[in-house]
Amino acid sequence: MNYTQYWASNTNLPPTDYSPLSDDAIIAQIEAGFSSGALTFDESTLYIVFTGIGVNPGGGFGTVYCAYHGYYIAADGRNVKYSAMPYAVDPAYPGACSALSGSPNDDIAADAEVNLISHETEETTTDENLDAWYDASGAENADKCAWQFGQTYTTGNGSTANISVGGRDWLVQMNWVNATVSKKGGPVGCKQGWP
């Protein structure tokens, strides 16, 4: 996975009064990025849309889900994969979208968002058009392990983390591994890494 672009829109911003935001509004922002040249389309890119405090994507945000991924087919046939990333530590939903104990990098909003990004990125990888990998109850691989972190440790500032990447500590959920450890049929389940 590689990071490629960043764009912050200053026009057509969503309301911050917790009124429900439509999925079409999120898609319109992505398309505005393409049409302005601020974003470049690539069929293998996941376009992650972050919103701020007071933006409510509707449909149970903060109680049923914390972020989501999807796709759309543009008028010219482009298959665009995206994820909607509401503000994870919005005070209107205290603790609902964060499992942090402390803040490993002293930025609670960013630290909380990293866990949600990993969840949606993993699901986009295995179910990019919402028609691939999910179980009999409709759970995608990251859903099966949501809010499960495995072995954790205490960071230098007293926070809880479970991985270190790039010299920084993070608390990132495990993901479902649908493989066997050995030919004899070792365990499948939520894992922090593979193999």
N, C-alpha and C. Protein backbone atom coordinates (compact mmCIF):
# COMPACT_ATOMS: atom_id res chain seq x y z
N MET A 1 0.85 -1.16 0.00
CA MET A 1 0.00 0.00 0.00
C MET A 1 0.90 1.23 0.00
N ASN A 2 0.54 2.21 -0.82
CA ASN A 2 1.29 3.46 -0.91
C ASN A 2 0.34 4.65 -0.79
N TYR A 3 0.81 5.67 -0.09
CA TYR A 3 0.08 6.93 -0.01
C TYR A 3 0.42 7.73 -1.27
N THR A 4 -0.58 8.29 -1.95
CA THR A 4 -0.30 8.99 -3.20
C THR A 4 -0.66 10.46 -3.22
N GLN A 5 -1.82 10.85 -2.69
CA GLN A 5 -2.27 12.24 -2.83
C GLN A 5 -3.05 12.70 -1.61
N TYR A 6 -3.15 14.01 -1.48
CA TYR A 6 -3.96 14.62 -0.45
C TYR A 6 -4.62 15.85 -1.05
N TRP A 7 -5.88 16.07 -0.72
CA TRP A 7 -6.59 17.27 -1.16
C TRP A 7 -7.58 17.67 -0.08
N ALA A 8 -7.56 18.94 0.29
CA ALA A 8 -8.52 19.46 1.25
C ALA A 8 -9.45 20.42 0.52
N SER A 9 -10.72 20.06 0.46
CA SER A 9 -11.70 20.89 -0.22
C SER A 9 -12.14 22.03 0.68
N ASN A 10 -12.30 23.19 0.09
CA ASN A 10 -12.82 24.35 0.82
C ASN A 10 -14.17 24.80 0.28
N THR A 11 -14.77 23.99 -0.59
CA THR A 11 -16.07 24.35 -1.16
C THR A 11 -17.04 23.18 -0.98
N ASN A 12 -18.33 23.50 -0.99
CA ASN A 12 -19.39 22.50 -0.84
C ASN A 12 -19.19 21.60 0.37
N LEU A 13 -18.78 22.21 1.47
CA LEU A 13 -18.52 21.44 2.68
C LEU A 13 -19.83 20.96 3.31
N PRO A 14 -19.79 19.80 3.97
CA PRO A 14 -21.01 19.28 4.58
C PRO A 14 -21.41 20.10 5.80
N PRO A 15 -22.69 20.05 6.17
CA PRO A 15 -23.13 20.77 7.37
C PRO A 15 -22.50 20.16 8.62
N THR A 16 -22.27 20.99 9.63
CA THR A 16 -21.68 20.52 10.88
C THR A 16 -22.67 20.58 12.03
N ASP A 17 -23.96 20.46 11.70
CA ASP A 17 -25.01 20.51 12.72
C ASP A 17 -25.60 19.13 13.01
N TYR A 18 -24.87 18.10 12.63
CA TYR A 18 -25.27 16.70 12.83
C TYR A 18 -26.47 16.28 12.00
N SER A 19 -26.86 17.09 11.03
CA SER A 19 -27.90 16.62 10.12
C SER A 19 -27.29 15.56 9.21
N PRO A 20 -28.04 14.53 8.86
CA PRO A 20 -27.49 13.42 8.07
C PRO A 20 -26.92 13.87 6.73
N LEU A 21 -25.75 13.35 6.42
CA LEU A 21 -25.06 13.62 5.16
C LEU A 21 -25.32 12.45 4.22
N SER A 22 -25.66 12.73 2.99
CA SER A 22 -25.91 11.64 2.05
C SER A 22 -24.61 11.11 1.47
N ASP A 23 -24.67 9.85 1.07
CA ASP A 23 -23.53 9.24 0.39
C ASP A 23 -23.23 9.99 -0.91
N ASP A 24 -24.27 10.50 -1.56
CA ASP A 24 -24.08 11.27 -2.79
C ASP A 24 -23.21 12.50 -2.56
N ALA A 25 -23.30 13.11 -1.38
CA ALA A 25 -22.47 14.29 -1.07
C ALA A 25 -21.00 13.91 -0.98
N ILE A 26 -20.72 12.75 -0.42
CA ILE A 26 -19.34 12.27 -0.34
C ILE A 26 -18.80 11.98 -1.73
N ILE A 27 -19.60 11.31 -2.54
CA ILE A 27 -19.20 11.00 -3.92
C ILE A 27 -18.99 12.30 -4.71
N ALA A 28 -19.84 13.29 -4.50
CA ALA A 28 -19.70 14.57 -5.20
C ALA A 28 -18.37 15.24 -4.87
N GLN A 29 -17.92 15.11 -3.63
CA GLN A 29 -16.63 15.70 -3.26
C GLN A 29 -15.48 15.00 -3.99
N ILE A 30 -15.54 13.68 -4.08
CA ILE A 30 -14.50 12.95 -4.81
C ILE A 30 -14.50 13.37 -6.27
N GLU A 31 -15.67 13.44 -6.87
CA GLU A 31 -15.76 13.84 -8.28
C GLU A 31 -15.28 15.28 -8.48
N ALA A 32 -15.53 16.15 -7.51
CA ALA A 32 -15.02 17.53 -7.60
C ALA A 32 -13.50 17.54 -7.61
N GLY A 33 -12.90 16.65 -6.84
CA GLY A 33 -11.45 16.52 -6.85
C GLY A 33 -10.92 16.06 -8.19
N PHE A 34 -11.61 15.12 -8.80
CA PHE A 34 -11.20 14.65 -10.14
C PHE A 34 -11.36 15.76 -11.18
N SER A 35 -12.52 16.40 -11.19
CA SER A 35 -12.79 17.39 -12.24
C SER A 35 -11.91 18.64 -12.10
N SER A 36 -11.48 18.96 -10.88
CA SER A 36 -10.61 20.13 -10.69
C SER A 36 -9.14 19.81 -10.95
N GLY A 37 -8.82 18.52 -11.02
CA GLY A 37 -7.43 18.12 -11.19
C GLY A 37 -6.69 17.95 -9.87
N ALA A 38 -7.38 18.18 -8.75
CA ALA A 38 -6.74 18.02 -7.44
C ALA A 38 -6.48 16.55 -7.13
N LEU A 39 -7.30 15.66 -7.68
CA LEU A 39 -7.12 14.22 -7.53
C LEU A 39 -6.97 13.58 -8.90
N THR A 40 -6.17 12.54 -8.94
CA THR A 40 -5.98 11.77 -10.16
C THR A 40 -6.63 10.41 -9.98
N PHE A 41 -7.44 9.98 -10.94
CA PHE A 41 -8.09 8.68 -10.82
C PHE A 41 -7.09 7.56 -11.08
N ASP A 42 -7.19 6.54 -10.24
CA ASP A 42 -6.43 5.30 -10.40
C ASP A 42 -7.34 4.19 -9.91
N GLU A 43 -7.59 3.19 -10.73
CA GLU A 43 -8.55 2.15 -10.38
C GLU A 43 -8.15 1.34 -9.15
N SER A 44 -6.88 1.35 -8.78
CA SER A 44 -6.45 0.59 -7.61
C SER A 44 -6.30 1.46 -6.36
N THR A 45 -6.79 2.68 -6.41
CA THR A 45 -6.69 3.60 -5.27
C THR A 45 -7.98 3.59 -4.46
N LEU A 46 -7.82 3.65 -3.15
CA LEU A 46 -8.94 3.86 -2.24
C LEU A 46 -8.93 5.34 -1.88
N TYR A 47 -10.00 6.04 -2.21
CA TYR A 47 -10.12 7.47 -1.91
C TYR A 47 -10.81 7.60 -0.56
N ILE A 48 -10.06 8.08 0.43
CA ILE A 48 -10.55 8.17 1.80
C ILE A 48 -11.02 9.60 2.07
N VAL A 49 -12.28 9.74 2.45
CA VAL A 49 -12.87 11.06 2.69
C VAL A 49 -13.03 11.26 4.20
N PHE A 50 -12.29 12.22 4.74
CA PHE A 50 -12.35 12.55 6.16
C PHE A 50 -13.28 13.74 6.36
N THR A 51 -14.05 13.70 7.43
CA THR A 51 -14.91 14.83 7.77
C THR A 51 -14.59 15.27 9.19
N GLY A 52 -15.11 16.42 9.58
CA GLY A 52 -14.81 17.00 10.88
C GLY A 52 -15.91 16.81 11.90
N ILE A 53 -15.74 17.47 13.01
CA ILE A 53 -16.71 17.43 14.09
C ILE A 53 -18.06 17.94 13.58
N GLY A 54 -19.13 17.26 13.97
CA GLY A 54 -20.47 17.69 13.62
C GLY A 54 -21.00 17.15 12.31
N VAL A 55 -20.16 16.43 11.56
CA VAL A 55 -20.62 15.85 10.30
C VAL A 55 -21.12 14.44 10.60
N ASN A 56 -22.36 14.19 10.26
CA ASN A 56 -23.02 12.92 10.55
C ASN A 56 -23.36 12.23 9.24
N PRO A 57 -22.68 11.13 8.92
CA PRO A 57 -23.01 10.42 7.68
C PRO A 57 -24.35 9.70 7.73
N GLY A 58 -25.03 9.75 8.87
CA GLY A 58 -26.37 9.18 8.97
C GLY A 58 -26.37 7.68 9.13
N GLY A 59 -27.57 7.13 9.27
CA GLY A 59 -27.75 5.68 9.32
C GLY A 59 -27.12 4.97 10.50
N GLY A 60 -26.97 5.63 11.61
CA GLY A 60 -26.45 4.96 12.80
C GLY A 60 -24.98 5.22 13.09
N PHE A 61 -24.42 6.29 12.54
CA PHE A 61 -23.03 6.61 12.84
C PHE A 61 -22.85 6.74 14.35
N GLY A 62 -21.79 6.14 14.86
CA GLY A 62 -21.47 6.22 16.28
C GLY A 62 -22.19 5.20 17.13
N THR A 63 -23.23 4.56 16.58
CA THR A 63 -23.93 3.52 17.33
C THR A 63 -23.92 2.19 16.57
N VAL A 64 -24.07 2.24 15.24
CA VAL A 64 -24.06 1.03 14.42
C VAL A 64 -22.73 0.86 13.70
N TYR A 65 -22.12 1.94 13.28
CA TYR A 65 -20.85 1.88 12.56
C TYR A 65 -20.04 3.15 12.85
N CYS A 66 -18.75 3.09 12.52
CA CYS A 66 -17.86 4.24 12.74
C CYS A 66 -17.27 4.78 11.45
N ALA A 67 -17.28 4.00 10.41
CA ALA A 67 -16.80 4.39 9.08
C ALA A 67 -17.36 3.36 8.11
N TYR A 68 -17.23 3.63 6.83
CA TYR A 68 -17.68 2.63 5.86
C TYR A 68 -16.93 2.79 4.55
N HIS A 69 -16.98 1.74 3.75
CA HIS A 69 -16.38 1.81 2.42
C HIS A 69 -17.42 1.43 1.39
N GLY A 70 -17.18 1.85 0.18
CA GLY A 70 -18.09 1.55 -0.92
C GLY A 70 -17.41 1.79 -2.25
N TYR A 71 -18.20 1.83 -3.28
CA TYR A 71 -17.68 2.12 -4.62
C TYR A 71 -18.82 2.73 -5.42
N TYR A 72 -18.45 3.36 -6.51
CA TYR A 72 -19.47 3.82 -7.45
C TYR A 72 -18.89 3.74 -8.85
N ILE A 73 -19.77 3.60 -9.81
CA ILE A 73 -19.37 3.61 -11.22
C ILE A 73 -19.70 4.99 -11.75
N ALA A 74 -18.68 5.72 -12.15
CA ALA A 74 -18.87 7.08 -12.67
C ALA A 74 -19.49 7.01 -14.06
N ALA A 75 -19.99 8.15 -14.52
CA ALA A 75 -20.66 8.23 -15.83
C ALA A 75 -19.77 7.73 -16.96
N ASP A 76 -18.47 7.92 -16.83
CA ASP A 76 -17.55 7.48 -17.90
C ASP A 76 -17.03 6.06 -17.67
N GLY A 77 -17.63 5.33 -16.70
CA GLY A 77 -17.28 3.93 -16.49
C GLY A 77 -16.20 3.68 -15.44
N ARG A 78 -15.61 4.72 -14.84
CA ARG A 78 -14.59 4.52 -13.82
C ARG A 78 -15.21 3.84 -12.59
N ASN A 79 -14.53 2.82 -12.06
CA ASN A 79 -14.95 2.16 -10.83
C ASN A 79 -14.13 2.79 -9.71
N VAL A 80 -14.78 3.62 -8.89
CA VAL A 80 -14.09 4.39 -7.87
C VAL A 80 -14.38 3.78 -6.50
N LYS A 81 -13.31 3.35 -5.81
CA LYS A 81 -13.43 2.82 -4.46
C LYS A 81 -13.19 3.96 -3.47
N TYR A 82 -14.02 4.04 -2.43
CA TYR A 82 -13.86 5.12 -1.45
C TYR A 82 -14.25 4.63 -0.06
N SER A 83 -13.83 5.39 0.92
CA SER A 83 -14.31 5.14 2.29
C SER A 83 -14.65 6.48 2.93
N ALA A 84 -15.67 6.46 3.75
CA ALA A 84 -16.11 7.65 4.49
C ALA A 84 -15.60 7.51 5.92
N MET A 85 -14.83 8.50 6.35
CA MET A 85 -14.19 8.45 7.66
C MET A 85 -14.66 9.63 8.51
N PRO A 86 -15.79 9.49 9.19
CA PRO A 86 -16.24 10.55 10.09
C PRO A 86 -15.23 10.76 11.22
N TYR A 87 -15.34 11.88 11.88
CA TYR A 87 -14.43 12.25 12.96
C TYR A 87 -14.63 11.28 14.13
N ALA A 88 -13.63 10.45 14.39
CA ALA A 88 -13.77 9.32 15.31
C ALA A 88 -13.98 9.72 16.77
N VAL A 89 -13.55 10.89 17.16
CA VAL A 89 -13.69 11.29 18.57
C VAL A 89 -14.61 12.49 18.70
N ASP A 90 -15.64 12.53 17.88
CA ASP A 90 -16.64 13.60 17.94
C ASP A 90 -17.28 13.58 19.33
N PRO A 91 -17.32 14.73 20.02
CA PRO A 91 -17.87 14.75 21.38
C PRO A 91 -19.34 14.34 21.47
N ALA A 92 -20.06 14.36 20.36
CA ALA A 92 -21.46 13.93 20.39
C ALA A 92 -21.59 12.41 20.53
N TYR A 93 -20.50 11.69 20.27
CA TYR A 93 -20.50 10.23 20.35
C TYR A 93 -19.34 9.79 21.23
N PRO A 94 -19.33 10.14 22.50
CA PRO A 94 -18.16 9.90 23.35
C PRO A 94 -17.77 8.43 23.42
N GLY A 95 -16.56 8.14 22.98
CA GLY A 95 -16.02 6.80 23.06
C GLY A 95 -16.58 5.81 22.08
N ALA A 96 -17.56 6.18 21.30
CA ALA A 96 -18.23 5.22 20.43
C ALA A 96 -17.33 4.68 19.33
N CYS A 97 -16.41 5.48 18.84
CA CYS A 97 -15.59 5.06 17.71
C CYS A 97 -14.10 5.06 18.04
N SER A 98 -13.80 4.93 19.30
CA SER A 98 -12.41 4.87 19.73
C SER A 98 -12.27 3.92 20.90
N ALA A 99 -11.25 3.08 20.85
CA ALA A 99 -10.97 2.17 21.95
C ALA A 99 -9.69 2.59 22.66
N LEU A 100 -9.26 3.80 22.43
CA LEU A 100 -7.98 4.25 22.98
C LEU A 100 -8.01 4.36 24.49
N SER A 101 -6.90 4.00 25.07
CA SER A 101 -6.61 4.28 26.47
C SER A 101 -5.38 5.18 26.42
N GLY A 102 -5.62 6.48 26.49
CA GLY A 102 -4.54 7.43 26.23
C GLY A 102 -4.45 7.68 24.73
N SER A 103 -3.35 8.29 24.32
CA SER A 103 -3.12 8.58 22.90
C SER A 103 -1.64 8.34 22.62
N PRO A 104 -1.30 7.21 21.99
CA PRO A 104 0.11 6.86 21.81
C PRO A 104 0.97 7.94 21.17
N ASN A 105 0.38 8.76 20.29
CA ASN A 105 1.14 9.80 19.60
C ASN A 105 0.72 11.20 20.01
N ASP A 106 0.04 11.28 21.13
CA ASP A 106 -0.44 12.56 21.68
C ASP A 106 -1.29 13.34 20.69
N ASP A 107 -2.08 12.62 19.89
CA ASP A 107 -3.03 13.21 18.96
C ASP A 107 -4.22 12.25 18.91
N ILE A 108 -5.14 12.41 19.85
CA ILE A 108 -6.21 11.42 20.01
C ILE A 108 -7.07 11.24 18.77
N ALA A 109 -7.32 12.33 18.04
CA ALA A 109 -8.15 12.21 16.83
C ALA A 109 -7.45 11.38 15.77
N ALA A 110 -6.19 11.65 15.52
CA ALA A 110 -5.43 10.89 14.52
C ALA A 110 -5.23 9.45 14.96
N ASP A 111 -4.89 9.25 16.25
CA ASP A 111 -4.68 7.89 16.74
C ASP A 111 -5.95 7.05 16.61
N ALA A 112 -7.09 7.62 16.90
CA ALA A 112 -8.35 6.88 16.77
C ALA A 112 -8.66 6.59 15.31
N GLU A 113 -8.38 7.53 14.44
CA GLU A 113 -8.70 7.37 13.02
C GLU A 113 -7.88 6.26 12.36
N VAL A 114 -6.64 6.07 12.81
CA VAL A 114 -5.78 5.04 12.22
C VAL A 114 -6.42 3.66 12.32
N ASN A 115 -7.03 3.36 13.44
CA ASN A 115 -7.70 2.07 13.58
C ASN A 115 -8.83 1.92 12.57
N LEU A 116 -9.63 2.97 12.39
CA LEU A 116 -10.74 2.91 11.45
C LEU A 116 -10.25 2.83 10.00
N ILE A 117 -9.17 3.54 9.69
CA ILE A 117 -8.59 3.47 8.35
C ILE A 117 -8.14 2.05 8.03
N SER A 118 -7.48 1.41 8.99
CA SER A 118 -7.01 0.04 8.74
C SER A 118 -8.20 -0.89 8.50
N HIS A 119 -9.27 -0.70 9.24
CA HIS A 119 -10.47 -1.53 9.09
C HIS A 119 -11.04 -1.39 7.67
N GLU A 120 -11.26 -0.16 7.24
CA GLU A 120 -11.88 0.06 5.92
C GLU A 120 -10.94 -0.29 4.76
N THR A 121 -9.66 -0.07 4.95
CA THR A 121 -8.69 -0.43 3.90
C THR A 121 -8.64 -1.94 3.71
N GLU A 122 -8.63 -2.66 4.81
CA GLU A 122 -8.61 -4.12 4.74
C GLU A 122 -9.87 -4.64 4.04
N GLU A 123 -11.01 -4.09 4.39
CA GLU A 123 -12.24 -4.55 3.76
C GLU A 123 -12.31 -4.18 2.28
N THR A 124 -11.78 -3.03 1.92
CA THR A 124 -11.76 -2.66 0.50
C THR A 124 -10.87 -3.62 -0.28
N THR A 125 -9.80 -4.06 0.33
CA THR A 125 -8.89 -5.00 -0.32
C THR A 125 -9.57 -6.33 -0.62
N THR A 126 -10.40 -6.80 0.29
CA THR A 126 -11.00 -8.13 0.12
C THR A 126 -12.44 -8.10 -0.40
N ASP A 127 -13.04 -6.91 -0.44
CA ASP A 127 -14.44 -6.80 -0.87
C ASP A 127 -14.66 -5.43 -1.53
N GLU A 128 -13.87 -5.15 -2.56
CA GLU A 128 -13.83 -3.79 -3.10
C GLU A 128 -15.13 -3.32 -3.72
N ASN A 129 -15.91 -4.21 -4.31
CA ASN A 129 -17.19 -3.82 -4.91
C ASN A 129 -18.38 -4.39 -4.13
N LEU A 130 -18.15 -4.71 -2.87
CA LEU A 130 -19.19 -5.20 -1.97
C LEU A 130 -19.88 -6.46 -2.48
N ASP A 131 -19.10 -7.28 -3.19
CA ASP A 131 -19.66 -8.53 -3.72
C ASP A 131 -18.66 -9.69 -3.63
N ALA A 132 -17.67 -9.56 -2.74
CA ALA A 132 -16.62 -10.57 -2.68
C ALA A 132 -16.61 -11.28 -1.33
N TRP A 133 -15.69 -10.90 -0.43
CA TRP A 133 -15.51 -11.67 0.81
C TRP A 133 -16.36 -11.13 1.94
N TYR A 134 -17.29 -11.95 2.39
CA TYR A 134 -18.05 -11.71 3.61
C TYR A 134 -18.60 -13.05 4.06
N ASP A 135 -18.91 -13.15 5.35
CA ASP A 135 -19.38 -14.44 5.87
C ASP A 135 -20.90 -14.58 5.74
N ALA A 136 -21.42 -15.67 6.26
CA ALA A 136 -22.84 -15.99 6.11
C ALA A 136 -23.75 -14.94 6.75
N SER A 137 -23.24 -14.18 7.73
CA SER A 137 -24.06 -13.14 8.35
C SER A 137 -23.79 -11.76 7.76
N GLY A 138 -22.97 -11.70 6.71
CA GLY A 138 -22.70 -10.43 6.03
C GLY A 138 -21.52 -9.66 6.57
N ALA A 139 -20.79 -10.22 7.53
CA ALA A 139 -19.62 -9.54 8.10
C ALA A 139 -18.41 -9.69 7.19
N GLU A 140 -17.76 -8.57 6.88
CA GLU A 140 -16.51 -8.61 6.13
C GLU A 140 -15.38 -8.98 7.09
N ASN A 141 -14.17 -9.22 6.53
CA ASN A 141 -13.09 -9.75 7.37
C ASN A 141 -12.73 -8.84 8.53
N ALA A 142 -12.71 -7.52 8.36
CA ALA A 142 -12.39 -6.63 9.47
C ALA A 142 -13.55 -6.54 10.46
N ASP A 143 -14.79 -6.70 9.98
CA ASP A 143 -15.94 -6.70 10.88
C ASP A 143 -15.84 -7.84 11.89
N LYS A 144 -15.35 -8.98 11.43
CA LYS A 144 -15.28 -10.15 12.29
C LYS A 144 -14.34 -9.93 13.48
N CYS A 145 -13.44 -8.95 13.36
CA CYS A 145 -12.46 -8.71 14.42
C CYS A 145 -12.53 -7.29 14.98
N ALA A 146 -13.60 -6.58 14.67
CA ALA A 146 -13.73 -5.19 15.12
C ALA A 146 -13.57 -5.09 16.63
N TRP A 147 -12.77 -4.14 17.06
CA TRP A 147 -12.51 -3.82 18.47
C TRP A 147 -11.79 -4.92 19.22
N GLN A 148 -11.15 -5.84 18.48
CA GLN A 148 -10.29 -6.86 19.09
C GLN A 148 -8.85 -6.48 18.73
N PHE A 149 -8.01 -6.36 19.74
CA PHE A 149 -6.66 -5.84 19.53
C PHE A 149 -5.54 -6.82 19.85
N GLY A 150 -5.86 -7.95 20.42
CA GLY A 150 -4.82 -8.92 20.74
C GLY A 150 -3.91 -8.40 21.85
N GLN A 151 -2.66 -8.82 21.79
CA GLN A 151 -1.69 -8.44 22.82
C GLN A 151 -1.34 -6.96 22.69
N THR A 152 -1.43 -6.24 23.80
CA THR A 152 -1.11 -4.82 23.82
C THR A 152 0.07 -4.56 24.74
N TYR A 153 0.58 -3.34 24.68
CA TYR A 153 1.66 -2.92 25.57
C TYR A 153 1.44 -1.45 25.93
N THR A 154 2.16 -1.00 26.94
CA THR A 154 2.06 0.38 27.38
C THR A 154 3.18 1.19 26.74
N THR A 155 2.82 2.31 26.14
CA THR A 155 3.80 3.17 25.47
C THR A 155 4.51 4.06 26.49
N GLY A 156 5.50 4.79 26.01
CA GLY A 156 6.27 5.68 26.88
C GLY A 156 5.44 6.74 27.57
N ASN A 157 4.32 7.14 26.94
CA ASN A 157 3.47 8.17 27.57
C ASN A 157 2.30 7.56 28.34
N GLY A 158 2.35 6.23 28.56
CA GLY A 158 1.33 5.57 29.36
C GLY A 158 0.10 5.12 28.60
N SER A 159 0.11 5.25 27.28
CA SER A 159 -1.04 4.85 26.46
C SER A 159 -0.94 3.37 26.10
N THR A 160 -2.02 2.84 25.55
CA THR A 160 -2.05 1.45 25.12
C THR A 160 -1.87 1.38 23.61
N ALA A 161 -1.04 0.44 23.16
CA ALA A 161 -0.80 0.21 21.73
C ALA A 161 -0.61 -1.29 21.51
N ASN A 162 -0.62 -1.68 20.25
CA ASN A 162 -0.34 -3.08 19.95
C ASN A 162 0.62 -3.27 18.78
N ILE A 163 0.96 -2.19 18.07
CA ILE A 163 1.96 -2.30 17.00
C ILE A 163 2.83 -1.04 16.97
N SER A 164 4.01 -1.21 16.44
CA SER A 164 4.90 -0.07 16.21
C SER A 164 5.24 -0.06 14.72
N VAL A 165 4.96 1.06 14.07
CA VAL A 165 5.24 1.23 12.65
C VAL A 165 5.88 2.60 12.46
N GLY A 166 6.99 2.64 11.75
CA GLY A 166 7.65 3.91 11.49
C GLY A 166 8.12 4.62 12.75
N GLY A 167 8.46 3.86 13.78
CA GLY A 167 8.93 4.45 15.02
C GLY A 167 7.82 5.02 15.89
N ARG A 168 6.58 4.77 15.53
CA ARG A 168 5.44 5.24 16.32
C ARG A 168 4.58 4.06 16.75
N ASP A 169 3.88 4.25 17.86
CA ASP A 169 3.02 3.20 18.40
C ASP A 169 1.57 3.48 18.01
N TRP A 170 0.82 2.39 17.78
CA TRP A 170 -0.57 2.51 17.35
C TRP A 170 -1.40 1.42 18.00
N LEU A 171 -2.67 1.66 18.12
CA LEU A 171 -3.63 0.65 18.55
C LEU A 171 -4.51 0.36 17.34
N VAL A 172 -4.28 -0.80 16.72
CA VAL A 172 -4.96 -1.17 15.48
C VAL A 172 -5.57 -2.55 15.65
N GLN A 173 -6.84 -2.67 15.30
CA GLN A 173 -7.54 -3.94 15.46
C GLN A 173 -6.90 -5.06 14.66
N MET A 174 -7.16 -6.28 15.09
CA MET A 174 -6.74 -7.45 14.33
C MET A 174 -7.68 -7.62 13.14
N ASN A 175 -7.30 -8.47 12.20
CA ASN A 175 -8.15 -8.80 11.06
C ASN A 175 -8.27 -10.30 10.92
N TRP A 176 -9.38 -10.70 10.32
CA TRP A 176 -9.67 -12.12 10.13
C TRP A 176 -8.72 -12.71 9.10
N VAL A 177 -8.09 -13.81 9.49
CA VAL A 177 -7.23 -14.55 8.57
C VAL A 177 -7.95 -15.86 8.29
N ASN A 178 -8.28 -16.05 7.03
CA ASN A 178 -9.06 -17.21 6.61
C ASN A 178 -8.13 -18.26 6.01
N ALA A 179 -7.03 -18.49 6.70
CA ALA A 179 -6.04 -19.46 6.21
C ALA A 179 -5.67 -20.39 7.35
N THR A 180 -5.07 -21.51 7.01
CA THR A 180 -4.65 -22.45 8.03
C THR A 180 -3.16 -22.29 8.27
N VAL A 181 -2.74 -22.57 9.49
CA VAL A 181 -1.34 -22.47 9.86
C VAL A 181 -0.54 -23.62 9.26
N SER A 182 -1.15 -24.77 9.18
CA SER A 182 -0.45 -25.94 8.65
C SER A 182 -1.41 -26.76 7.79
N LYS A 183 -0.86 -27.73 7.10
CA LYS A 183 -1.70 -28.61 6.29
C LYS A 183 -2.66 -29.43 7.15
N LYS A 184 -2.37 -29.51 8.43
CA LYS A 184 -3.23 -30.26 9.33
C LYS A 184 -4.44 -29.43 9.76
N GLY A 185 -4.53 -28.19 9.30
CA GLY A 185 -5.71 -27.39 9.60
C GLY A 185 -5.59 -26.56 10.86
N GLY A 186 -4.56 -25.79 10.95
CA GLY A 186 -4.38 -24.90 12.10
C GLY A 186 -5.50 -23.88 12.19
N PRO A 187 -5.47 -23.05 13.22
CA PRO A 187 -6.59 -22.15 13.48
C PRO A 187 -6.72 -21.00 12.49
N VAL A 188 -7.94 -20.66 12.20
CA VAL A 188 -8.24 -19.42 11.49
C VAL A 188 -8.73 -18.46 12.56
N GLY A 189 -8.82 -17.18 12.24
CA GLY A 189 -9.35 -16.26 13.23
C GLY A 189 -8.72 -14.89 13.16
N CYS A 190 -8.93 -14.12 14.21
CA CYS A 190 -8.42 -12.75 14.28
C CYS A 190 -6.93 -12.79 14.60
N LYS A 191 -6.15 -12.10 13.79
CA LYS A 191 -4.69 -12.12 13.95
C LYS A 191 -4.14 -10.70 13.83
N GLN A 192 -3.00 -10.47 14.47
CA GLN A 192 -2.30 -9.19 14.35
C GLN A 192 -1.39 -9.18 13.14
N GLY A 193 -1.07 -10.33 12.60
CA GLY A 193 -0.22 -10.42 11.43
C GLY A 193 -0.26 -11.81 10.85
N TRP A 194 0.30 -11.96 9.66
CA TRP A 194 0.34 -13.28 9.01
C TRP A 194 1.56 -13.39 8.16
N PRO A 195 2.34 -14.45 8.20
CA PRO A 195 2.16 -15.60 9.10
C PRO A 195 2.65 -15.29 10.48
